[in-house]
Amino acid sequence: MTTQNLPIASGDTVQIHYTSKSLEGSIIETSIDREPFEFVVGAEEVIPGLSQGLVGRSAGETCSLAVPADQAFGKRNIDLVQSIPRIFLRPKVHAGDQLLADVQGVQLDVWVQKVQADEVVLDANHPLAGETLLIDVEIVSAKRPEASSN
């Protein structure tokens, strides 16, 4: 059921166009030249601040959201920055590269912060951790989940 005039609620499927920016105004990502981004409000598909920022709004609306770090990619955790011997990595690794690391059987995305002669500094924080994001949103459509017929 389309919720064109109903307020968006948790569990609704929405399609949006968005532009996320840093506090300084630099564009991080945009969907403007792509198909609208679709997700279920309240699911773990997107950062919580975006999902929660749509609740109560309606299809056709536009809004600007300021999403603090704890509702985006989390706060920076200095314990997630580690130096390891360079010998453990492929020869051509550069600052800014994203790698997959196995830490005690858990796969983690890590980013190369610094490459030195004998060691490499890796950071398991998301690159946007600690950042407040500004997100401009156009709500293209919203649908309620189909009622199950039991």
Protein backbone atom coordinates (compact mmCIF):
# COMPACT_ATOMS: atom_id res chain seq x y z
CA MET A 1 0.00 0.00 0.00
CA THR A 2 1.44 3.37 -0.99
CA THR A 3 1.68 5.85 1.85
CA GLN A 4 1.75 9.01 -0.30
CA ASN A 5 -0.17 10.98 2.34
CA LEU A 6 0.46 8.85 5.43
CA PRO A 7 3.39 9.68 7.70
CA ILE A 8 6.35 7.34 7.27
CA ALA A 9 6.68 4.77 10.05
CA SER A 10 9.25 2.17 11.03
CA GLY A 11 8.92 -0.82 8.69
CA ASP A 12 7.89 1.24 5.66
CA THR A 13 9.92 0.88 2.46
CA VAL A 14 11.06 4.25 1.16
CA GLN A 15 12.85 5.46 -1.93
CA ILE A 16 14.89 8.61 -1.54
CA HIS A 17 17.38 10.79 -3.31
CA TYR A 18 20.04 12.11 -0.98
CA THR A 19 23.17 14.18 -0.83
CA SER A 20 25.39 13.72 2.21
CA LYS A 21 27.88 16.44 3.10
CA SER A 22 30.48 17.21 5.73
CA LEU A 23 29.94 20.11 8.11
CA GLU A 24 32.24 22.13 5.83
CA GLY A 25 29.85 21.47 2.92
CA SER A 26 31.96 18.99 0.93
CA ILE A 27 29.78 16.41 -0.82
CA ILE A 28 30.50 12.90 0.43
CA GLU A 29 27.97 10.98 -1.65
CA THR A 30 24.85 11.66 -3.72
CA SER A 31 22.19 9.60 -5.46
CA ILE A 32 21.03 12.41 -7.72
CA ASP A 33 22.37 10.85 -10.96
CA ARG A 34 21.24 7.32 -10.03
CA GLU A 35 18.03 5.48 -9.30
CA PRO A 36 16.49 6.42 -5.94
CA PHE A 37 17.96 4.58 -2.96
CA GLU A 38 15.47 2.13 -1.42
CA PHE A 39 15.51 0.83 2.15
CA VAL A 40 13.27 -0.22 5.03
CA VAL A 41 12.91 2.47 7.71
CA GLY A 42 14.21 1.19 11.04
CA ALA A 43 16.23 -1.69 9.53
CA GLU A 44 20.01 -1.73 9.77
CA GLU A 45 20.48 -0.94 6.07
CA VAL A 46 21.32 2.74 6.67
CA ILE A 47 22.71 4.88 9.44
CA PRO A 48 20.15 5.31 12.26
CA GLY A 49 20.02 9.11 11.99
CA LEU A 50 18.83 8.96 8.37
CA SER A 51 16.23 6.29 9.07
CA GLN A 52 14.89 8.05 12.18
CA GLY A 53 14.91 11.40 10.40
CA LEU A 54 12.29 10.16 7.92
CA VAL A 55 9.77 8.93 10.51
CA GLY A 56 6.70 11.18 10.49
CA ARG A 57 7.50 12.69 7.09
CA SER A 58 5.66 11.90 3.84
CA ALA A 59 6.46 11.02 0.24
CA GLY A 60 7.11 14.14 -1.81
CA GLU A 61 8.77 15.99 1.08
CA THR A 62 12.31 17.29 1.12
CA CYS A 63 14.29 17.84 4.29
CA SER A 64 17.79 18.49 5.58
CA LEU A 65 19.05 16.37 8.45
CA ALA A 66 22.01 17.01 10.74
CA VAL A 67 23.11 13.56 11.86
CA PRO A 68 25.54 13.44 14.81
CA ALA A 69 28.36 10.89 14.83
CA ASP A 70 26.61 8.55 17.29
CA GLN A 71 23.66 8.30 14.84
CA ALA A 72 25.93 8.00 11.78
CA PHE A 73 29.16 5.98 11.73
CA GLY A 74 29.89 6.17 15.45
CA LYS A 75 32.49 7.98 17.46
CA ARG A 76 36.16 7.43 16.73
CA ASN A 77 37.70 4.72 18.89
CA ILE A 78 41.46 5.14 19.27
CA ASP A 79 41.73 1.45 20.22
CA LEU A 80 40.82 0.60 16.62
CA VAL A 81 44.04 2.21 15.33
CA GLN A 82 46.96 -0.23 15.33
CA SER A 83 50.46 -0.45 13.88
CA ILE A 84 51.51 -3.74 12.35
CA PRO A 85 54.74 -4.89 10.72
CA ARG A 86 54.71 -4.06 7.01
CA ILE A 87 55.79 -7.62 6.19
CA PHE A 88 52.21 -8.83 6.93
CA LEU A 89 50.73 -6.82 4.03
CA ARG A 90 50.99 -6.96 0.27
CA PRO A 91 53.98 -5.06 -1.14
CA LYS A 92 52.08 -2.21 -2.81
CA VAL A 93 49.89 -0.83 -0.02
CA HIS A 94 49.18 2.90 0.13
CA ALA A 95 47.67 5.33 2.63
CA GLY A 96 43.92 5.44 2.02
CA ASP A 97 43.64 1.82 0.83
CA GLN A 98 40.81 -0.25 2.29
CA LEU A 99 41.71 -3.78 3.32
CA LEU A 100 39.92 -6.75 4.82
CA ALA A 101 41.53 -7.98 8.04
CA ASP A 102 40.88 -11.16 9.99
CA VAL A 103 40.95 -10.30 13.69
CA GLN A 104 40.40 -13.33 15.91
CA GLY A 105 38.17 -14.91 13.25
CA VAL A 106 36.16 -11.74 12.59
CA GLN A 107 36.42 -10.01 9.20
CA LEU A 108 36.91 -6.24 9.58
CA ASP A 109 37.27 -3.46 7.05
CA VAL A 110 40.37 -1.43 7.84
CA TRP A 111 41.87 1.62 6.21
CA VAL A 112 45.58 2.25 5.78
CA GLN A 113 46.38 5.48 7.60
CA LYS A 114 50.12 5.63 7.19
CA VAL A 115 52.80 3.53 5.47
CA GLN A 116 56.28 3.62 6.99
CA ALA A 117 59.44 1.70 6.13
CA ASP A 118 58.86 -1.13 8.64
CA GLU A 119 55.24 -0.74 9.75
CA VAL A 120 51.79 0.28 8.61
CA VAL A 121 49.17 2.09 10.68
CA LEU A 122 45.71 0.56 10.19
CA ASP A 123 42.42 2.08 11.33
CA ALA A 124 39.26 -0.03 11.77
CA ASN A 125 37.14 3.08 12.38
CA HIS A 126 34.90 4.00 9.44
CA PRO A 127 36.48 6.99 7.65
CA LEU A 128 33.44 9.09 8.65
CA ALA A 129 33.50 8.00 12.32
CA GLY A 130 33.36 11.01 14.60
CA GLU A 131 31.77 13.19 11.89
CA THR A 132 28.43 14.96 11.97
CA LEU A 133 26.81 14.54 8.56
CA LEU A 134 24.43 16.89 6.78
CA ILE A 135 22.01 14.99 4.56
CA ASP A 136 19.62 16.60 2.10
CA VAL A 137 16.77 14.19 1.34
CA GLU A 138 13.96 14.05 -1.21
CA ILE A 139 11.44 11.34 -0.32
CA VAL A 140 10.42 9.87 -3.68
CA SER A 141 8.01 7.20 -2.41
CA ALA A 142 6.95 5.31 0.68
CA LYS A 143 5.09 2.00 1.00
CA ARG A 144 3.66 0.19 4.01
CA PRO A 145 4.45 -3.51 4.29
CA GLU A 146 1.74 -5.77 2.92
CA ALA A 147 -0.51 -7.13 5.63
CA SER A 148 -0.05 -10.88 5.87
CA SER A 149 -3.20 -12.93 5.40
CA ASN A 150 -3.23 -15.64 8.03
